[in-house]
Amino acid sequence: MPTPAASDWRVMAACSSTRPPSGAQIDSDRRSWSLEPERGATAELIHQGEVVGMAVRLRKEATPVYVSAGHKMDLPTAVQIVQMVGMGYREPETTRRAHRLVNELRRQANASQTSIDR
């Protein structure tokens, strides 16, 4: 399936809803929603009329992370888990730890490569 153009994606309320999702505000075009700056704010990601994910703010005024349903997991559960492991950072703690580990391994590899080159 081809990746849709950015203009095809919208953070907006579901068509059946007359109110914005929790934590969202209506934009001037009255078709899309902007996310509140508070931690825990969410807004649905709609593609071609289908909810495909959720924008979730894990820290006040931080760029939201985008959550989608996974294998044997529905969207509300995925959002709940991401919020639980967010711990006040922009990224979930599991992702932060993985990044730190990889960066440490890179530093060690670069240091050993530098000592070999000498």
Foldseek 3Di string as FASTA:
>chain_A
DDDDDPVQKAQAAQPVDPDFPAQWDADPVRGGTDGHQAAQTKTFIAGPRDGAWMFGAHAGNDGTDTWGADDVGHRVRRSVVQNVQSVRPRGGPVVVVVVVVVVVVVVVVVVVVVVVVD
